[in-house]
PDB file of N, CA and C in Angstrom:
ATOM      1  N   UNK A   1      19.596 120.445  98.188  1.00  0.00           N
ATOM      2  CA  UNK A   1      20.541 120.421  99.287  1.00  0.00           C
ATOM      3  C   UNK A   1      20.389 119.101 100.044  1.00  0.00           C
ATOM      4  N   UNK A   2      21.486 118.544 100.424  1.00  0.00           N
ATOM      5  CA  UNK A   2      21.478 117.278 101.153  1.00  0.00           C
ATOM      6  C   UNK A   2      20.944 117.489 102.566  1.00  0.00           C
ATOM      7  N   UNK A   3      20.374 116.442 103.111  1.00  0.00           N
ATOM      8  CA  UNK A   3      19.935 116.473 104.499  1.00  0.00           C
ATOM      9  C   UNK A   3      20.848 115.557 105.296  1.00  0.00           C
ATOM     10  N   UNK A   4      21.230 116.016 106.454  1.00  0.00           N
ATOM     11  CA  UNK A   4      22.190 115.273 107.259  1.00  0.00           C
ATOM     12  C   UNK A   4      21.560 114.766 108.550  1.00  0.00           C
ATOM     13  N   UNK A   5      22.136 113.708 109.094  1.00  0.00           N
ATOM     14  CA  UNK A   5      21.691 113.095 110.342  1.00  0.00           C
ATOM     15  C   UNK A   5      22.619 113.462 111.503  1.00  0.00           C
ATOM     16  N   UNK A   6      23.400 114.491 111.365  1.00  0.00           N
ATOM     17  CA  UNK A   6      24.417 114.807 112.367  1.00  0.00           C
ATOM     18  C   UNK A   6      23.782 115.049 113.734  1.00  0.00           C
ATOM     19  N   UNK A   7      22.697 115.806 113.791  1.00  0.00           N
ATOM     20  CA  UNK A   7      22.047 116.064 115.079  1.00  0.00           C
ATOM     21  C   UNK A   7      21.551 114.765 115.704  1.00  0.00           C
ATOM     22  N   UNK A   8      20.979 113.913 114.884  1.00  0.00           N
ATOM     23  CA  UNK A   8      20.492 112.620 115.369  1.00  0.00           C
ATOM     24  C   UNK A   8      21.647 111.775 115.916  1.00  0.00           C
ATOM     25  N   UNK A   9      22.760 111.753 115.193  1.00  0.00           N
ATOM     26  CA  UNK A   9      23.920 110.982 115.626  1.00  0.00           C
ATOM     27  C   UNK A   9      24.518 111.552 116.915  1.00  0.00           C
ATOM     28  N   UNK A  10      24.529 112.873 117.029  1.00  0.00           N
ATOM     29  CA  UNK A  10      25.015 113.510 118.263  1.00  0.00           C
ATOM     30  C   UNK A  10      24.151 113.092 119.450  1.00  0.00           C
ATOM     31  N   UNK A  11      22.842 113.111 119.256  1.00  0.00           N
ATOM     32  CA  UNK A  11      21.924 112.730 120.328  1.00  0.00           C
ATOM     33  C   UNK A  11      22.156 111.282 120.744  1.00  0.00           C
ATOM     34  N   UNK A  12      22.338 110.383 119.763  1.00  0.00           N
ATOM     35  CA  UNK A  12      22.595 108.972 120.054  1.00  0.00           C
ATOM     36  C   UNK A  12      23.861 108.794 120.884  1.00  0.00           C
ATOM     37  N   UNK A  13      24.821 109.691 120.709  1.00  0.00           N
ATOM     38  CA  UNK A  13      26.103 109.584 121.394  1.00  0.00           C
ATOM     39  C   UNK A  13      26.209 110.492 122.619  1.00  0.00           C
ATOM     40  N   UNK A  14      25.100 111.142 122.967  1.00  0.00           N
ATOM     41  CA  UNK A  14      25.095 112.080 124.101  1.00  0.00           C
ATOM     42  C   UNK A  14      26.214 113.103 123.968  1.00  0.00           C
ATOM     43  N   UNK A  15      26.353 113.652 122.777  1.00  0.00           N
ATOM     44  CA  UNK A  15      27.405 114.618 122.484  1.00  0.00           C
ATOM     45  C   UNK A  15      26.751 115.918 122.014  1.00  0.00           C
ATOM     46  N   UNK A  16      27.347 117.032 122.360  1.00  0.00           N
ATOM     47  CA  UNK A  16      26.837 118.321 121.915  1.00  0.00           C
ATOM     48  C   UNK A  16      27.529 118.747 120.618  1.00  0.00           C
ATOM     49  N   UNK A  17      26.923 119.712 119.947  1.00  0.00           N
ATOM     50  CA  UNK A  17      27.546 120.262 118.740  1.00  0.00           C
ATOM     51  C   UNK A  17      28.886 120.901 119.093  1.00  0.00           C
ATOM     52  N   UNK A  18      28.943 121.541 120.238  1.00  0.00           N
ATOM     53  CA  UNK A  18      30.190 122.189 120.668  1.00  0.00           C
ATOM     54  C   UNK A  18      31.294 121.144 120.849  1.00  0.00           C
ATOM     55  N   UNK A  19      30.960 119.992 121.450  1.00  0.00           N
ATOM     56  CA  UNK A  19      31.946 118.928 121.637  1.00  0.00           C
ATOM     57  C   UNK A  19      32.427 118.382 120.294  1.00  0.00           C
ATOM     58  N   UNK A  20      31.500 118.196 119.367  1.00  0.00           N
ATOM     59  CA  UNK A  20      31.881 117.711 118.043  1.00  0.00           C
ATOM     60  C   UNK A  20      32.782 118.734 117.347  1.00  0.00           C
ATOM     61  N   UNK A  21      32.423 120.000 117.436  1.00  0.00           N
ATOM     62  CA  UNK A  21      33.243 121.054 116.821  1.00  0.00           C
ATOM     63  C   UNK A  21      34.663 121.014 117.366  1.00  0.00           C
ATOM     64  N   UNK A  22      34.801 120.834 118.686  1.00  0.00           N
ATOM     65  CA  UNK A  22      36.130 120.755 119.299  1.00  0.00           C
ATOM     66  C   UNK A  22      36.897 119.539 118.781  1.00  0.00           C
ATOM     67  N   UNK A  23      36.202 118.406 118.646  1.00  0.00           N
ATOM     68  CA  UNK A  23      36.862 117.180 118.167  1.00  0.00           C
ATOM     69  C   UNK A  23      37.409 117.321 116.754  1.00  0.00           C
ATOM     70  N   UNK A  24      36.688 118.074 115.915  1.00  0.00           N
ATOM     71  CA  UNK A  24      37.147 118.205 114.528  1.00  0.00           C
ATOM     72  C   UNK A  24      37.945 119.483 114.299  1.00  0.00           C
ATOM     73  N   UNK A  25      38.110 120.283 115.356  1.00  0.00           N
ATOM     74  CA  UNK A  25      38.972 121.459 115.274  1.00  0.00           C
ATOM     75  C   UNK A  25      38.387 122.653 114.547  1.00  0.00           C
ATOM     76  N   UNK A  26      37.076 122.856 114.694  1.00  0.00           N
ATOM     77  CA  UNK A  26      36.432 124.029 114.096  1.00  0.00           C
ATOM     78  C   UNK A  26      35.585 124.721 115.154  1.00  0.00           C
ATOM     79  N   UNK A  27      35.135 125.912 114.843  1.00  0.00           N
ATOM     80  CA  UNK A  27      34.250 126.623 115.767  1.00  0.00           C
ATOM     81  C   UNK A  27      32.848 126.032 115.685  1.00  0.00           C
ATOM     82  N   UNK A  28      32.050 126.288 116.701  1.00  0.00           N
ATOM     83  CA  UNK A  28      30.658 125.829 116.703  1.00  0.00           C
ATOM     84  C   UNK A  28      29.889 126.457 115.543  1.00  0.00           C
ATOM     85  N   UNK A  29      30.220 127.691 115.202  1.00  0.00           N
ATOM     86  CA  UNK A  29      29.567 128.374 114.087  1.00  0.00           C
ATOM     87  C   UNK A  29      29.894 127.663 112.768  1.00  0.00           C
ATOM     88  N   UNK A  30      31.154 127.283 112.583  1.00  0.00           N
ATOM     89  CA  UNK A  30      31.550 126.570 111.363  1.00  0.00           C
ATOM     90  C   UNK A  30      30.836 125.230 111.274  1.00  0.00           C
ATOM     91  N   UNK A  31      30.765 124.510 112.386  1.00  0.00           N
ATOM     92  CA  UNK A  31      30.072 123.229 112.383  1.00  0.00           C
ATOM     93  C   UNK A  31      28.611 123.423 112.010  1.00  0.00           C
ATOM     94  N   UNK A  32      27.980 124.441 112.546  1.00  0.00           N
ATOM     95  CA  UNK A  32      26.585 124.717 112.214  1.00  0.00           C
ATOM     96  C   UNK A  32      26.421 124.981 110.719  1.00  0.00           C
ATOM     97  N   UNK A  33      27.368 125.684 110.130  1.00  0.00           N
ATOM     98  CA  UNK A  33      27.321 125.937 108.679  1.00  0.00           C
ATOM     99  C   UNK A  33      27.444 124.628 107.906  1.00  0.00           C
ATOM    100  N   UNK A  34      28.304 123.734 108.382  1.00  0.00           N
ATOM    101  CA  UNK A  34      28.439 122.419 107.735  1.00  0.00           C
ATOM    102  C   UNK A  34      27.116 121.663 107.785  1.00  0.00           C
ATOM    103  N   UNK A  35      26.447 121.752 108.919  1.00  0.00           N
ATOM    104  CA  UNK A  35      25.224 120.980 109.128  1.00  0.00           C
ATOM    105  C   UNK A  35      24.046 121.524 108.337  1.00  0.00           C
ATOM    106  N   UNK A  36      24.080 122.791 107.990  1.00  0.00           N
ATOM    107  CA  UNK A  36      22.953 123.404 107.295  1.00  0.00           C
ATOM    108  C   UNK A  36      23.287 123.823 105.866  1.00  0.00           C
ATOM    109  N   UNK A  37      24.544 123.696 105.491  1.00  0.00           N
ATOM    110  CA  UNK A  37      24.958 124.170 104.176  1.00  0.00           C
ATOM    111  C   UNK A  37      25.521 123.087 103.298  1.00  0.00           C
ATOM    112  N   UNK A  38      26.629 123.408 102.681  1.00  0.00           N
ATOM    113  CA  UNK A  38      27.243 122.536 101.695  1.00  0.00           C
ATOM    114  C   UNK A  38      28.704 122.287 102.089  1.00  0.00           C
ATOM    115  N   UNK A  39      28.937 121.380 103.058  1.00  0.00           N
ATOM    116  CA  UNK A  39      30.299 121.155 103.536  1.00  0.00           C
ATOM    117  C   UNK A  39      31.165 120.444 102.503  1.00  0.00           C
ATOM    118  N   UNK A  40      32.459 120.583 102.640  1.00  0.00           N
ATOM    119  CA  UNK A  40      33.387 119.877 101.764  1.00  0.00           C
ATOM    120  C   UNK A  40      33.414 118.397 102.151  1.00  0.00           C
ATOM    121  N   UNK A  41      33.912 117.594 101.252  1.00  0.00           N
ATOM    122  CA  UNK A  41      34.037 116.165 101.526  1.00  0.00           C
ATOM    123  C   UNK A  41      34.993 115.953 102.699  1.00  0.00           C
ATOM    124  N   UNK A  42      36.063 116.730 102.773  1.00  0.00           N
ATOM    125  CA  UNK A  42      37.008 116.573 103.884  1.00  0.00           C
ATOM    126  C   UNK A  42      36.344 116.908 105.216  1.00  0.00           C
ATOM    127  N   UNK A  43      35.451 117.885 105.242  1.00  0.00           N
ATOM    128  CA  UNK A  43      34.718 118.208 106.472  1.00  0.00           C
ATOM    129  C   UNK A  43      33.806 117.056 106.866  1.00  0.00           C
ATOM    130  N   UNK A  44      33.128 116.472 105.880  1.00  0.00           N
ATOM    131  CA  UNK A  44      32.264 115.321 106.159  1.00  0.00           C
ATOM    132  C   UNK A  44      33.083 114.142 106.674  1.00  0.00           C
ATOM    133  N   UNK A  45      34.276 113.958 106.120  1.00  0.00           N
ATOM    134  CA  UNK A  45      35.146 112.871 106.586  1.00  0.00           C
ATOM    135  C   UNK A  45      35.516 113.082 108.054  1.00  0.00           C
ATOM    136  N   UNK A  46      35.854 114.311 108.430  1.00  0.00           N
ATOM    137  CA  UNK A  46      36.216 114.614 109.813  1.00  0.00           C
ATOM    138  C   UNK A  46      35.036 114.371 110.755  1.00  0.00           C
ATOM    139  N   UNK A  47      33.852 114.809 110.339  1.00  0.00           N
ATOM    140  CA  UNK A  47      32.663 114.620 111.161  1.00  0.00           C
ATOM    141  C   UNK A  47      32.371 113.131 111.329  1.00  0.00           C
ATOM    142  N   UNK A  48      32.419 112.389 110.222  1.00  0.00           N
ATOM    143  CA  UNK A  48      32.160 110.950 110.277  1.00  0.00           C
ATOM    144  C   UNK A  48      33.156 110.248 111.192  1.00  0.00           C
ATOM    145  N   UNK A  49      34.416 110.618 111.079  1.00  0.00           N
ATOM    146  CA  UNK A  49      35.449 110.000 111.925  1.00  0.00           C
ATOM    147  C   UNK A  49      35.204 110.313 113.400  1.00  0.00           C
ATOM    148  N   UNK A  50      34.871 111.560 113.698  1.00  0.00           N
ATOM    149  CA  UNK A  50      34.626 111.956 115.088  1.00  0.00           C
ATOM    150  C   UNK A  50      33.406 111.247 115.675  1.00  0.00           C
ATOM    151  N   UNK A  51      32.430 110.941 114.817  1.00  0.00           N
ATOM    152  CA  UNK A  51      31.221 110.252 115.278  1.00  0.00           C
ATOM    153  C   UNK A  51      31.336 108.740 115.140  1.00  0.00           C
ATOM    154  N   UNK A  52      32.463 108.280 114.603  1.00  0.00           N
ATOM    155  CA  UNK A  52      32.723 106.853 114.417  1.00  0.00           C
ATOM    156  C   UNK A  52      31.666 106.185 113.541  1.00  0.00           C
ATOM    157  N   UNK A  53      31.394 106.818 112.390  1.00  0.00           N
ATOM    158  CA  UNK A  53      30.455 106.270 111.410  1.00  0.00           C
ATOM    159  C   UNK A  53      31.055 106.420 110.016  1.00  0.00           C
ATOM    160  N   UNK A  54      30.483 105.709 109.066  1.00  0.00           N
ATOM    161  CA  UNK A  54      30.839 105.896 107.663  1.00  0.00           C
ATOM    162  C   UNK A  54      30.205 107.197 107.181  1.00  0.00           C
ATOM    163  N   UNK A  55      30.792 107.821 106.178  1.00  0.00           N
ATOM    164  CA  UNK A  55      30.247 109.079 105.652  1.00  0.00           C
ATOM    165  C   UNK A  55      28.787 108.917 105.235  1.00  0.00           C
ATOM    166  N   UNK A  56      28.455 107.781 104.647  1.00  0.00           N
ATOM    167  CA  UNK A  56      27.076 107.572 104.186  1.00  0.00           C
ATOM    168  C   UNK A  56      26.072 107.655 105.333  1.00  0.00           C
ATOM    169  N   UNK A  57      26.515 107.371 106.563  1.00  0.00           N
ATOM    170  CA  UNK A  57      25.619 107.432 107.718  1.00  0.00           C
ATOM    171  C   UNK A  57      25.263 108.870 108.102  1.00  0.00           C
ATOM    172  N   UNK A  58      25.982 109.838 107.566  1.00  0.00           N
ATOM    173  CA  UNK A  58      25.671 111.237 107.850  1.00  0.00           C
ATOM    174  C   UNK A  58      24.456 111.719 107.073  1.00  0.00           C
ATOM    175  N   UNK A  59      24.099 111.015 106.029  1.00  0.00           N
ATOM    176  CA  UNK A  59      22.986 111.420 105.176  1.00  0.00           C
ATOM    177  C   UNK A  59      21.676 110.833 105.672  1.00  0.00           C
ATOM    178  N   UNK A  60      20.589 111.549 105.430  1.00  0.00           N
ATOM    179  CA  UNK A  60      19.260 111.064 105.790  1.00  0.00           C
ATOM    180  C   UNK A  60      18.976 109.809 104.984  1.00  0.00           C
ATOM    181  N   UNK A  61      18.497 108.788 105.676  1.00  0.00           N
ATOM    182  CA  UNK A  61      18.178 107.526 105.017  1.00  0.00           C
ATOM    183  C   UNK A  61      16.828 107.612 104.331  1.00  0.00           C
ATOM    184  N   UNK A  62      16.682 106.854 103.284  1.00  0.00           N
ATOM    185  CA  UNK A  62      15.412 106.775 102.572  1.00  0.00           C
ATOM    186  C   UNK A  62      14.386 106.040 103.426  1.00  0.00           C
ATOM    187  N   UNK A  63      13.132 106.356 103.210  1.00  0.00           N
ATOM    188  CA  UNK A  63      12.059 105.677 103.918  1.00  0.00           C
ATOM    189  C   UNK A  63      11.864 104.281 103.339  1.00  0.00           C
ATOM    190  N   UNK A  64      11.326 103.392 104.146  1.00  0.00           N
ATOM    191  CA  UNK A  64      11.058 102.024 103.702  1.00  0.00           C
ATOM    192  C   UNK A  64      10.178 102.058 102.462  1.00  0.00           C
ATOM    193  N   UNK A  65      10.536 101.235 101.512  1.00  0.00           N
ATOM    194  CA  UNK A  65       9.757 101.161 100.278  1.00  0.00           C
ATOM    195  C   UNK A  65      10.290 102.025  99.158  1.00  0.00           C
ATOM    196  N   UNK A  66      11.136 102.996  99.456  1.00  0.00           N
ATOM    197  CA  UNK A  66      11.724 103.821  98.410  1.00  0.00           C
ATOM    198  C   UNK A  66      12.849 103.032  97.752  1.00  0.00           C
ATOM    199  N   UNK A  67      12.912 103.077  96.442  1.00  0.00           N
ATOM    200  CA  UNK A  67      13.881 102.248  95.740  1.00  0.00           C
ATOM    201  C   UNK A  67      15.080 103.014  95.222  1.00  0.00           C
ATOM    202  N   UNK A  68      15.102 104.315  95.310  1.00  0.00           N
ATOM    203  CA  UNK A  68      16.243 105.079  94.833  1.00  0.00           C
ATOM    204  C   UNK A  68      17.437 104.810  95.739  1.00  0.00           C
ATOM    205  N   UNK A  69      18.491 104.249  95.184  1.00  0.00           N
ATOM    206  CA  UNK A  69      19.678 103.924  95.971  1.00  0.00           C
ATOM    207  C   UNK A  69      20.811 104.882  95.634  1.00  0.00           C
ATOM    208  N   UNK A  70      20.519 106.158  95.637  1.00  0.00           N
ATOM    209  CA  UNK A  70      21.556 107.136  95.339  1.00  0.00           C
ATOM    210  C   UNK A  70      21.580 108.209  96.416  1.00  0.00           C
ATOM    211  N   UNK A  71      22.741 108.834  96.533  1.00  0.00           N
ATOM    212  CA  UNK A  71      22.888 109.992  97.400  1.00  0.00           C
ATOM    213  C   UNK A  71      23.488 111.102  96.550  1.00  0.00           C
ATOM    214  N   UNK A  72      23.278 112.319  96.974  1.00  0.00           N
ATOM    215  CA  UNK A  72      23.825 113.466  96.266  1.00  0.00           C
ATOM    216  C   UNK A  72      24.973 114.029  97.080  1.00  0.00           C
ATOM    217  N   UNK A  73      26.111 114.200  96.428  1.00  0.00           N
ATOM    218  CA  UNK A  73      27.280 114.761  97.098  1.00  0.00           C
ATOM    219  C   UNK A  73      26.967 116.206  97.490  1.00  0.00           C
ATOM    220  N   UNK A  74      27.134 116.542  98.769  1.00  0.00           N
ATOM    221  CA  UNK A  74      26.842 117.904  99.195  1.00  0.00           C
ATOM    222  C   UNK A  74      27.867 118.917  98.684  1.00  0.00           C
ATOM    223  N   UNK A  75      29.007 118.425  98.216  1.00  0.00           N
ATOM    224  CA  UNK A  75      30.055 119.330  97.750  1.00  0.00           C
ATOM    225  C   UNK A  75      29.873 119.704  96.278  1.00  0.00           C
ATOM    226  N   UNK A  76      29.714 118.680  95.424  1.00  0.00           N
ATOM    227  CA  UNK A  76      29.653 118.945  93.984  1.00  0.00           C
ATOM    228  C   UNK A  76      28.256 118.796  93.393  1.00  0.00           C
ATOM    229  N   UNK A  77      27.327 118.190  94.142  1.00  0.00           N
ATOM    230  CA  UNK A  77      25.971 118.030  93.642  1.00  0.00           C
ATOM    231  C   UNK A  77      25.762 116.813  92.762  1.00  0.00           C
ATOM    232  N   UNK A  78      26.829 116.039  92.516  1.00  0.00           N
ATOM    233  CA  UNK A  78      26.692 114.835  91.689  1.00  0.00           C
ATOM    234  C   UNK A  78      25.979 113.747  92.465  1.00  0.00           C
ATOM    235  N   UNK A  79      25.201 112.934  91.726  1.00  0.00           N
ATOM    236  CA  UNK A  79      24.521 111.801  92.340  1.00  0.00           C
ATOM    237  C   UNK A  79      25.408 110.579  92.262  1.00  0.00           C
ATOM    238  N   UNK A  80      25.451 109.813  93.347  1.00  0.00           N
ATOM    239  CA  UNK A  80      26.181 108.561  93.396  1.00  0.00           C
ATOM    240  C   UNK A  80      25.189 107.452  93.688  1.00  0.00           C
ATOM    241  N   UNK A  81      25.220 106.423  92.883  1.00  0.00           N
ATOM    242  CA  UNK A  81      24.324 105.295  93.079  1.00  0.00           C
ATOM    243  C   UNK A  81      25.026 104.258  93.941  1.00  0.00           C
ATOM    244  N   UNK A  82      24.338 103.803  94.955  1.00  0.00           N
ATOM    245  CA  UNK A  82      24.883 102.855  95.910  1.00  0.00           C
ATOM    246  C   UNK A  82      24.447 101.449  95.514  1.00  0.00           C
ATOM    247  N   UNK A  83      25.417 100.563  95.430  1.00  0.00           N
ATOM    248  CA  UNK A  83      25.132  99.167  95.120  1.00  0.00           C
ATOM    249  C   UNK A  83      25.603  98.331  96.300  1.00  0.00           C
ATOM    250  N   UNK A  84      24.689  97.543  96.844  1.00  0.00           N
ATOM    251  CA  UNK A  84      25.020  96.673  97.964  1.00  0.00           C
ATOM    252  C   UNK A  84      25.025  95.252  97.442  1.00  0.00           C
ATOM    253  N   UNK A  85      26.176  94.598  97.560  1.00  0.00           N
ATOM    254  CA  UNK A  85      26.308  93.237  97.055  1.00  0.00           C
ATOM    255  C   UNK A  85      26.413  92.266  98.216  1.00  0.00           C
ATOM    256  N   UNK A  86      25.903  91.077  98.005  1.00  0.00           N
ATOM    257  CA  UNK A  86      26.024  90.029  99.016  1.00  0.00           C
ATOM    258  C   UNK A  86      24.716  89.777  99.724  1.00  0.00           C
ATOM    259  N   UNK A  87      24.488  88.539 100.033  1.00  0.00           N
ATOM    260  CA  UNK A  87      23.245  88.143 100.690  1.00  0.00           C
ATOM    261  C   UNK A  87      23.252  88.431 102.171  1.00  0.00           C
ATOM    262  N   UNK A  88      24.408  88.594 102.770  1.00  0.00           N
ATOM    263  CA  UNK A  88      24.500  88.755 104.219  1.00  0.00           C
ATOM    264  C   UNK A  88      24.107  90.146 104.699  1.00  0.00           C
ATOM    265  N   UNK A  89      24.041  91.122 103.820  1.00  0.00           N
ATOM    266  CA  UNK A  89      23.767  92.485 104.237  1.00  0.00           C
ATOM    267  C   UNK A  89      22.406  92.585 104.924  1.00  0.00           C
ATOM    268  N   UNK A  90      22.405  93.149 106.109  1.00  0.00           N
ATOM    269  CA  UNK A  90      21.170  93.401 106.814  1.00  0.00           C
ATOM    270  C   UNK A  90      20.673  92.237 107.641  1.00  0.00           C
ATOM    271  N   UNK A  91      21.335  91.104 107.599  1.00  0.00           N
ATOM    272  CA  UNK A  91      20.892  89.959 108.393  1.00  0.00           C
ATOM    273  C   UNK A  91      21.478  90.054 109.791  1.00  0.00           C
ATOM    274  N   UNK A  92      20.681  89.687 110.757  1.00  0.00           N
ATOM    275  CA  UNK A  92      21.148  89.727 112.141  1.00  0.00           C
ATOM    276  C   UNK A  92      22.207  88.671 112.372  1.00  0.00           C
ATOM    277  N   UNK A  93      23.134  88.989 113.225  1.00  0.00           N
ATOM    278  CA  UNK A  93      24.158  88.037 113.618  1.00  0.00           C
ATOM    279  C   UNK A  93      25.335  87.944 112.669  1.00  0.00           C
ATOM    280  N   UNK A  94      25.369  88.812 111.685  1.00  0.00           N
ATOM    281  CA  UNK A  94      26.472  88.761 110.724  1.00  0.00           C
ATOM    282  C   UNK A  94      27.273  90.034 110.839  1.00  0.00           C
TER     283      UNK A  94
END
């Protein structure tokens, strides 16, 4: 099962789960199920949009030193490998 950063992102934005649920048009119970279960891609898109982040930011990040650059889709279970191209990625001021 995928792990999500939704609670962390809510805290960063001083937003409650109830407020997020209202923004995406679902009940607080439904949002809780999304956060602990297997939400659809469309649900993840709505959550990401409401939090003003990319969908990939909803997933728990790997720890420093880990080299696996893949995420698992919470909907279908398929693994997607992430490729970051370009030298500018991660540099300050860019």
